[in-house]
């Protein structure tokens, strides 16, 4: 897994939390 991919996942998770 590349660092960029991991960052994308983190952003996606943060975005989900923000929407909740």
Protein backbone atom coordinates (compact mmCIF):
# COMPACT_ATOMS: atom_id res chain seq x y z
CA UNK A 1 0.00 0.00 0.00
CA UNK A 2 1.41 3.37 -0.98
CA UNK A 3 1.49 6.33 1.34
CA UNK A 4 -0.81 8.28 -0.96
CA UNK A 5 -3.41 5.52 -0.81
CA UNK A 6 -3.26 5.43 2.98
CA UNK A 7 -3.74 9.18 3.13
CA UNK A 8 -6.77 8.91 0.86
CA UNK A 9 -8.32 6.34 3.17
CA UNK A 10 -7.69 8.58 6.17
CA UNK A 11 -9.32 11.52 4.40
CA UNK A 12 -12.28 9.35 3.43
CA UNK A 13 -12.73 8.20 7.03
CA UNK A 14 -12.46 11.78 8.30
CA UNK A 15 -15.02 12.90 5.71
CA UNK A 16 -17.42 10.18 6.84
CA UNK A 17 -17.09 11.29 10.47
CA UNK A 18 -17.67 14.88 9.47
CA UNK A 19 -20.86 13.97 7.64
CA UNK A 20 -22.26 12.05 10.59
